[in-house]
Amino acid sequence: TPPGVLVDENVELQLVKALAGYALPYVDATLSEQSESGQYMTMLVSTFNANVPYSGPRFIDSTRQHKQAVQAITNVATAALAASQQKRQTPATLLASLHAIKRFAALRSVFESFNDIQTLREKLVALLREVITSPAPDEFCVCAALDVISAFIVPGFDLGDPASLQAQTTDAANKKHILEESDLVSAIIGLFSSHVKRGTAPMVVMGCVDFLTAVLCSPGGDTTDAKQFISVLEQVARIGRDLFKLFHQGNCLSVVKGAGTIMKTIIDEGGDVPTATEQPSGVTLVLKMQMSALAEGATLRHLHTALFSKTTTQRQALFKDLSCSLVSYWITGCPQAEQMLSRVLPPALVYYLEGTEEPPAATATTATDAKSAANGQSP
């Protein structure tokens, strides 16, 4: 199919049926048979990715070929996991398999089967763990794996009536299963922390920000289990001062907005969550983040942006609005930040802003007359 031309329904169904009908090699198969089987699966996956858009198949849900789609993603995940564990798969082949899984995850039937079919869930989680926790992970594969995780947390289709039980539990159940894999979540946050410290792998950082936003921030965070929510929140806050590098490390607006949303969640929800044991008694996540913002100079930097930056473009306006929000989060309820402001802002200006007195009417009239005289007009 030429690039940019979508295939029709019959071609798409044949591609899915070919993946669903793929026969995995036997356990005692020879190396030659395993190689031939792997090459055939690679050809099927490449053909599927080349003809199906990244947003997913278009006709599977409408034609009710649910079992075919579930069997197809199971075969792709099983073959990719086996090849990865046996160290006979190139990063390009693994990347193609992850892209195919991401396409299938956009289907309602596959999205719901992650919660309903334990075998499929175990294979997918094992594959994702194999990719992310690898001693020398490939950045492209890690980015694709993060996209797969986000696709199974945030549905790529309409859930229907928000008041229905199905709409309330489908994405929440998937998210709970993923967050139960504590080693996988810790590996994701570890990758996020290391790349932020070094200023590398912006696509991986963006994928981690999308994952954390879906888990912690509204509206996705509203369906996260309370214990899992606090656990992830503590791990993110443990990154500490390095988290502030996201606000000035790159020019990607989505990363900056995502980091700001995560920071807002830590301030709003972390008031009663204590920090690690090495911190002084009574220090909460909120105070720790506020003190880190002062130590990193982020409070002053965003205060300057909020007060003096121009808003000639939409991007500048968004940055200024974000800076205003961040400054309010970092200053409210923090005595050290308030003392810093008292040293930065002139006392007369602070007194004027806090005052409620109105100027006398005679003074206002005199000021108006003086301005008119300066402009060469009669009062």
Protein backbone atom coordinates (compact mmCIF):
# COMPACT_ATOMS: atom_id res chain seq x y z
CA THR A 1 0.00 0.00 0.00
CA PRO A 2 1.42 3.44 -0.89
CA PRO A 3 2.28 5.64 2.10
CA GLY A 4 -0.67 7.68 3.31
CA VAL A 5 -3.27 5.39 1.73
CA LEU A 6 -5.32 3.39 4.23
CA VAL A 7 -6.19 -0.21 3.42
CA ASP A 8 -9.77 -1.39 3.14
CA GLU A 9 -11.62 -3.61 5.57
CA ASN A 10 -10.79 -6.91 3.87
CA VAL A 11 -7.02 -6.29 3.84
CA GLU A 12 -7.01 -5.23 7.49
CA LEU A 13 -8.93 -8.33 8.56
CA GLN A 14 -6.58 -10.59 6.60
CA LEU A 15 -3.56 -9.03 8.33
CA VAL A 16 -5.09 -9.61 11.76
CA LYS A 17 -6.09 -13.19 10.88
CA ALA A 18 -2.53 -13.91 9.69
CA LEU A 19 -1.13 -12.79 13.05
CA ALA A 20 -3.83 -14.69 14.92
CA GLY A 21 -3.10 -17.85 12.96
CA TYR A 22 0.65 -17.72 13.52
CA ALA A 23 1.90 -21.04 14.94
CA LEU A 24 4.54 -20.61 17.62
CA PRO A 25 7.55 -22.98 17.33
CA TYR A 26 7.64 -26.04 19.59
CA VAL A 27 9.82 -26.03 22.68
CA ASP A 28 12.15 -28.66 21.22
CA ALA A 29 12.35 -26.96 17.80
CA THR A 30 15.76 -26.67 16.23
CA LEU A 31 17.56 -23.37 15.85
CA SER A 32 16.83 -23.40 12.13
CA GLU A 33 13.09 -23.87 12.73
CA GLN A 34 13.07 -21.13 15.37
CA SER A 35 14.88 -18.78 13.00
CA GLU A 36 12.42 -19.43 10.17
CA SER A 37 9.46 -18.97 12.50
CA GLY A 38 10.93 -15.73 13.82
CA GLN A 39 11.54 -14.37 10.34
CA TYR A 40 7.94 -15.17 9.37
CA MET A 41 6.61 -13.35 12.44
CA THR A 42 8.87 -10.38 11.68
CA MET A 43 7.46 -10.22 8.16
CA LEU A 44 3.87 -10.37 9.47
CA VAL A 45 4.48 -7.65 12.06
CA SER A 46 6.23 -5.38 9.57
CA THR A 47 3.41 -5.78 7.05
CA PHE A 48 0.83 -5.08 9.75
CA ASN A 49 2.61 -1.91 10.93
CA ALA A 50 3.05 -0.67 7.35
CA ASN A 51 -0.66 -0.94 6.53
CA VAL A 52 -2.43 -0.16 9.82
CA PRO A 53 -2.26 3.41 11.24
CA TYR A 54 -0.61 4.02 14.61
CA SER A 55 -4.04 4.87 16.06
CA GLY A 56 -5.04 1.22 15.61
CA PRO A 57 -7.15 -0.95 13.28
CA ARG A 58 -10.31 0.72 12.02
CA PHE A 59 -12.63 -2.19 11.32
CA ILE A 60 -12.02 -4.77 14.06
CA ASP A 61 -14.48 -3.38 16.60
CA SER A 62 -17.16 -2.71 13.97
CA THR A 63 -16.90 -6.21 12.49
CA ARG A 64 -16.68 -7.85 15.96
CA GLN A 65 -13.48 -9.76 15.22
CA HIS A 66 -12.55 -9.55 18.89
CA LYS A 67 -11.16 -13.05 19.34
CA GLN A 68 -8.92 -12.64 16.30
CA ALA A 69 -7.45 -9.40 17.68
CA VAL A 70 -6.85 -10.86 21.15
CA GLN A 71 -5.18 -13.95 19.70
CA ALA A 72 -3.06 -11.80 17.39
CA ILE A 73 -1.68 -9.59 20.18
CA THR A 74 -1.06 -12.70 22.29
CA ASN A 75 1.01 -14.26 19.51
CA VAL A 76 2.99 -11.07 18.94
CA ALA A 77 3.74 -10.65 22.66
CA THR A 78 4.66 -14.34 23.10
CA ALA A 79 7.00 -14.39 20.12
CA ALA A 80 8.66 -11.10 21.10
CA LEU A 81 9.13 -12.24 24.71
CA ALA A 82 10.63 -15.59 23.70
CA ALA A 83 13.02 -13.98 21.21
CA SER A 84 14.06 -11.33 23.71
CA GLN A 85 14.75 -13.84 26.49
CA GLN A 86 16.81 -16.01 24.13
CA LYS A 87 18.84 -12.95 22.99
CA ARG A 88 18.10 -13.62 19.31
CA GLN A 89 16.13 -10.45 18.56
CA THR A 90 17.46 -7.16 17.23
CA PRO A 91 16.24 -3.84 18.68
CA ALA A 92 14.52 -3.04 15.36
CA THR A 93 12.50 -6.28 15.49
CA LEU A 94 11.55 -5.69 19.13
CA LEU A 95 10.56 -2.13 18.31
CA ALA A 96 8.27 -3.34 15.49
CA SER A 97 6.57 -5.80 17.86
CA LEU A 98 5.96 -3.07 20.45
CA HIS A 99 4.49 -0.80 17.77
CA ALA A 100 2.12 -3.59 16.72
CA ILE A 101 1.05 -4.13 20.33
CA LYS A 102 0.42 -0.39 20.68
CA ARG A 103 -1.85 -0.52 17.63
CA PHE A 104 -3.86 -3.42 19.06
CA ALA A 105 -4.17 -1.66 22.44
CA ALA A 106 -6.32 1.01 20.78
CA LEU A 107 -9.09 -1.60 20.35
CA ARG A 108 -11.74 -1.85 23.04
CA SER A 109 -11.68 -5.66 22.99
CA VAL A 110 -7.91 -5.81 23.51
CA PHE A 111 -7.97 -3.04 26.10
CA GLU A 112 -10.55 -4.91 28.16
CA SER A 113 -8.84 -8.28 27.67
CA PHE A 114 -5.79 -6.95 29.55
CA ASN A 115 -7.91 -7.15 32.68
CA ASP A 116 -9.97 -10.22 31.74
CA ILE A 117 -7.30 -12.59 30.38
CA GLN A 118 -4.54 -13.30 32.88
CA THR A 119 -2.30 -15.14 30.39
CA LEU A 120 -2.23 -12.18 28.02
CA ARG A 121 -1.58 -9.76 30.87
CA GLU A 122 1.31 -11.81 32.21
CA LYS A 123 2.99 -12.05 28.81
CA LEU A 124 2.64 -8.34 28.13
CA VAL A 125 3.94 -7.34 31.57
CA ALA A 126 6.85 -9.77 31.23
CA LEU A 127 7.75 -8.28 27.84
CA LEU A 128 7.55 -4.72 29.13
CA ARG A 129 9.67 -5.63 32.14
CA GLU A 130 12.22 -7.29 29.86
CA VAL A 131 12.51 -4.11 27.80
CA ILE A 132 12.56 -1.51 30.59
CA THR A 133 14.70 -3.35 33.14
CA SER A 134 17.31 -4.44 30.61
CA PRO A 135 20.90 -3.70 31.72
CA ALA A 136 21.48 -1.75 28.50
CA PRO A 137 18.02 -0.67 27.34
CA ASP A 138 17.49 0.66 23.85
CA GLU A 139 15.97 4.15 24.10
CA PHE A 140 13.63 3.63 21.14
CA CYS A 141 12.34 0.35 22.57
CA VAL A 142 11.89 1.88 26.02
CA CYS A 143 9.93 4.77 24.51
CA ALA A 144 7.70 2.31 22.63
CA ALA A 145 7.20 0.25 25.81
CA LEU A 146 6.12 3.37 27.70
CA ASP A 147 3.63 4.11 24.90
CA VAL A 148 2.22 0.60 25.31
CA ILE A 149 1.82 1.08 29.07
CA SER A 150 0.07 4.41 28.58
CA ALA A 151 -2.18 2.86 25.92
CA PHE A 152 -3.41 0.24 28.41
CA ILE A 153 -4.00 2.91 31.08
CA VAL A 154 -5.60 5.65 28.99
CA PRO A 155 -8.13 4.21 26.49
CA GLY A 156 -7.82 5.34 22.91
CA PHE A 157 -11.57 5.02 22.34
CA ASP A 158 -14.78 6.37 23.83
CA LEU A 159 -15.64 4.57 27.06
CA GLY A 160 -19.28 5.52 26.73
CA ASP A 161 -21.46 6.87 29.52
CA PRO A 162 -19.16 8.07 32.33
CA ALA A 163 -21.83 7.09 34.86
CA SER A 164 -21.80 3.44 33.81
CA LEU A 165 -19.91 0.88 35.89
CA GLN A 166 -17.95 -0.28 32.85
CA ALA A 167 -16.65 3.21 32.19
CA GLN A 168 -15.56 3.57 35.82
CA THR A 169 -13.75 0.25 36.18
CA THR A 170 -12.17 -0.60 32.81
CA ASP A 171 -9.21 1.77 32.88
CA ALA A 172 -8.96 1.63 36.70
CA ALA A 173 -8.54 -2.16 36.66
CA ASN A 174 -5.83 -2.02 33.99
CA LYS A 175 -3.98 0.67 35.90
CA LYS A 176 -4.17 -1.32 39.12
CA HIS A 177 -2.68 -4.40 37.46
CA ILE A 178 0.22 -2.38 36.06
CA LEU A 179 0.95 -0.55 39.33
CA GLU A 180 0.96 -3.88 41.18
CA GLU A 181 4.21 -4.63 39.33
CA SER A 182 6.30 -2.60 41.77
CA ASP A 183 9.61 -3.52 40.14
CA LEU A 184 8.35 -2.28 36.76
CA VAL A 185 7.10 1.02 38.22
CA SER A 186 10.36 1.51 40.13
CA ALA A 187 12.33 0.87 36.94
CA ILE A 188 10.30 3.48 35.06
CA ILE A 189 10.83 6.11 37.76
CA GLY A 190 14.51 5.17 37.93
CA LEU A 191 14.89 5.72 34.18
CA PHE A 192 13.03 9.00 34.50
CA SER A 193 15.30 10.20 37.31
CA SER A 194 18.56 9.18 35.61
CA HIS A 195 17.70 10.79 32.27
CA VAL A 196 16.49 14.00 33.95
CA LYS A 197 19.76 14.25 35.90
CA ARG A 198 21.86 13.77 32.77
CA GLY A 199 19.60 15.71 30.40
CA THR A 200 19.41 12.80 27.93
CA ALA A 201 16.73 10.79 26.08
CA PRO A 202 13.98 13.44 25.77
CA MET A 203 11.56 10.95 24.21
CA VAL A 204 11.94 8.58 27.17
CA VAL A 205 11.45 11.50 29.56
CA MET A 206 8.29 12.47 27.70
CA GLY A 207 6.99 8.90 27.89
CA CYS A 208 7.67 8.80 31.64
CA VAL A 209 5.91 12.14 32.13
CA ASP A 210 2.86 10.84 30.22
CA PHE A 211 2.80 7.70 32.40
CA LEU A 212 3.09 9.67 35.66
CA THR A 213 0.47 12.16 34.52
CA ALA A 214 -1.98 9.33 33.77
CA VAL A 215 -1.34 7.77 37.20
CA LEU A 216 -1.16 10.84 39.43
CA CYS A 217 -2.89 13.79 37.81
CA SER A 218 -6.57 14.46 37.27
CA PRO A 219 -8.64 13.05 35.65
CA GLY A 220 -6.62 9.81 35.38
CA GLY A 221 -5.37 10.04 38.96
CA ASP A 222 -8.94 10.02 40.27
CA THR A 223 -9.23 6.29 39.43
CA THR A 224 -5.85 5.27 40.91
CA ASP A 225 -5.91 3.08 44.00
CA ALA A 226 -5.14 5.16 47.11
CA LYS A 227 -2.20 3.05 48.34
CA GLN A 228 -0.68 2.82 44.87
CA PHE A 229 -1.18 6.57 44.40
CA ILE A 230 0.74 7.40 47.59
CA SER A 231 3.49 4.92 46.72
CA VAL A 232 4.09 6.43 43.26
CA LEU A 233 3.80 9.96 44.66
CA GLU A 234 6.51 9.25 47.23
CA GLN A 235 8.84 7.77 44.61
CA VAL A 236 8.42 10.80 42.34
CA ALA A 237 8.94 13.25 45.20
CA ARG A 238 12.06 11.33 46.19
CA ILE A 239 13.69 12.57 42.98
CA GLY A 240 13.86 15.91 44.75
CA ARG A 241 15.72 18.83 43.27
CA ASP A 242 16.44 17.10 39.98
CA LEU A 243 12.74 17.27 39.15
CA PHE A 244 13.03 21.04 38.69
CA LYS A 245 15.42 20.58 35.78
CA LEU A 246 12.44 19.66 33.61
CA PHE A 247 11.22 23.24 33.72
CA HIS A 248 14.29 24.68 31.97
CA GLN A 249 16.07 21.65 30.50
CA GLY A 250 14.31 21.67 27.12
CA ASN A 251 11.84 23.59 25.02
CA CYS A 252 9.19 20.85 24.79
CA LEU A 253 6.00 22.47 26.05
CA SER A 254 4.21 19.17 26.76
CA VAL A 255 7.02 18.03 29.09
CA VAL A 256 6.99 21.35 30.95
CA LYS A 257 3.20 21.28 31.29
CA GLY A 258 3.28 17.66 32.42
CA ALA A 259 5.97 18.41 35.00
CA GLY A 260 3.93 21.36 36.23
CA THR A 261 0.85 19.17 36.58
CA ILE A 262 2.83 16.57 38.52
CA MET A 263 4.23 19.31 40.77
CA LYS A 264 0.70 20.59 41.39
CA THR A 265 -0.42 17.10 42.36
CA ILE A 266 2.47 16.74 44.83
CA ILE A 267 1.55 20.07 46.42
CA ASP A 268 -2.18 19.31 46.55
CA GLU A 269 -2.07 15.67 47.60
CA GLY A 270 1.21 15.39 49.50
CA GLY A 271 0.36 17.62 52.44
CA ASP A 272 -0.21 14.72 54.83
CA VAL A 273 2.37 12.33 53.35
CA PRO A 274 5.65 12.28 55.33
CA THR A 275 8.97 12.11 53.52
CA ALA A 276 11.61 9.44 53.87
CA THR A 277 13.02 8.60 57.29
CA GLU A 278 16.25 10.51 56.70
CA GLN A 279 14.30 13.78 56.66
CA PRO A 280 13.53 15.71 59.88
CA SER A 281 10.37 14.74 61.72
CA GLY A 282 7.26 16.54 60.49
CA VAL A 283 8.63 17.39 57.04
CA THR A 284 5.99 16.64 54.40
CA LEU A 285 6.32 16.22 50.67
CA VAL A 286 4.88 19.71 50.15
CA LEU A 287 7.47 21.44 52.34
CA LYS A 288 10.25 19.34 50.83
CA MET A 289 9.31 20.37 47.28
CA GLN A 290 8.95 24.01 48.31
CA MET A 291 12.39 24.02 49.90
CA SER A 292 13.85 22.27 46.86
CA ALA A 293 12.34 24.96 44.63
CA LEU A 294 14.08 27.61 46.73
CA ALA A 295 17.38 25.76 46.75
CA GLU A 296 17.33 25.27 42.96
CA GLY A 297 16.39 28.91 42.31
CA ALA A 298 13.22 27.75 40.55
CA THR A 299 11.03 30.04 42.65
CA LEU A 300 12.96 33.17 41.64
CA ARG A 301 13.25 32.08 38.01
CA HIS A 302 9.52 31.51 37.61
CA LEU A 303 8.69 34.63 39.63
CA HIS A 304 10.68 36.64 37.09
CA THR A 305 8.86 34.87 34.24
CA ALA A 306 5.47 35.49 35.83
CA LEU A 307 6.15 39.20 36.36
CA PHE A 308 8.19 40.32 33.37
CA SER A 309 7.85 37.87 30.48
CA LYS A 310 6.09 38.96 27.30
CA THR A 311 3.01 37.19 25.97
CA THR A 312 3.22 37.99 22.30
CA THR A 313 2.83 34.31 21.34
CA GLN A 314 0.63 31.52 22.64
CA ARG A 315 3.68 29.58 23.80
CA GLN A 316 4.90 32.52 25.90
CA ALA A 317 1.42 32.97 27.36
CA LEU A 318 1.29 29.31 28.38
CA PHE A 319 4.71 29.49 30.01
CA LYS A 320 3.74 32.62 31.92
CA ASP A 321 0.49 31.06 33.13
CA LEU A 322 2.39 27.96 34.24
CA SER A 323 4.97 30.09 36.07
CA CYS A 324 2.23 31.95 37.92
CA SER A 325 0.72 28.66 39.07
CA LEU A 326 4.07 27.19 40.12
CA VAL A 327 5.03 30.29 42.13
CA SER A 328 1.74 30.14 44.01
CA TYR A 329 2.31 26.44 44.80
CA TRP A 330 5.85 26.99 46.02
CA ILE A 331 5.14 30.04 48.18
CA THR A 332 1.80 29.27 49.83
CA GLY A 333 2.34 28.06 53.38
CA CYS A 334 6.16 28.23 53.17
CA PRO A 335 7.67 30.74 55.65
CA GLN A 336 11.10 30.58 54.02
CA ALA A 337 9.62 31.52 50.62
CA GLU A 338 7.69 34.39 52.18
CA GLN A 339 10.88 35.68 53.82
CA MET A 340 12.64 35.49 50.46
CA LEU A 341 9.87 37.58 48.86
CA SER A 342 10.08 40.15 51.65
CA ARG A 343 13.78 40.61 50.82
CA VAL A 344 13.20 40.79 47.07
CA LEU A 345 10.15 43.04 46.83
CA PRO A 346 10.31 46.67 48.07
CA PRO A 347 8.40 47.07 51.37
CA ALA A 348 6.46 50.04 50.02
CA LEU A 349 5.23 47.96 47.08
CA VAL A 350 4.16 45.12 49.37
CA TYR A 351 2.36 47.58 51.66
CA TYR A 352 0.60 49.13 48.66
CA LEU A 353 -0.53 45.78 47.29
CA GLU A 354 -1.80 44.59 50.65
CA GLY A 355 -3.49 47.87 51.50
CA THR A 356 -7.21 48.49 50.98
CA GLU A 357 -7.21 52.29 51.28
CA GLU A 358 -8.40 54.43 48.39
CA PRO A 359 -6.67 57.75 47.51
CA PRO A 360 -8.54 60.93 48.53
CA ALA A 361 -10.78 62.46 45.88
CA ALA A 362 -8.80 65.74 45.86
CA THR A 363 -5.56 63.89 45.27
CA ALA A 364 -7.08 61.98 42.39
CA THR A 365 -8.35 65.22 40.79
CA THR A 366 -4.96 66.88 41.16
CA ALA A 367 -3.24 63.91 39.54
CA THR A 368 -5.68 64.04 36.62
CA ASP A 369 -5.09 67.78 36.12
CA ALA A 370 -1.31 67.33 36.19
CA LYS A 371 -1.51 64.58 33.57
CA SER A 372 -3.69 66.77 31.33
CA ALA A 373 -1.28 69.69 31.67
CA ALA A 374 1.65 67.46 30.75
CA ASN A 375 -0.16 66.45 27.58
CA GLY A 376 -0.86 70.06 26.65
CA GLN A 377 -4.60 69.84 27.28
CA SER A 378 -6.78 72.14 29.32
CA PRO A 379 -8.10 70.63 32.52
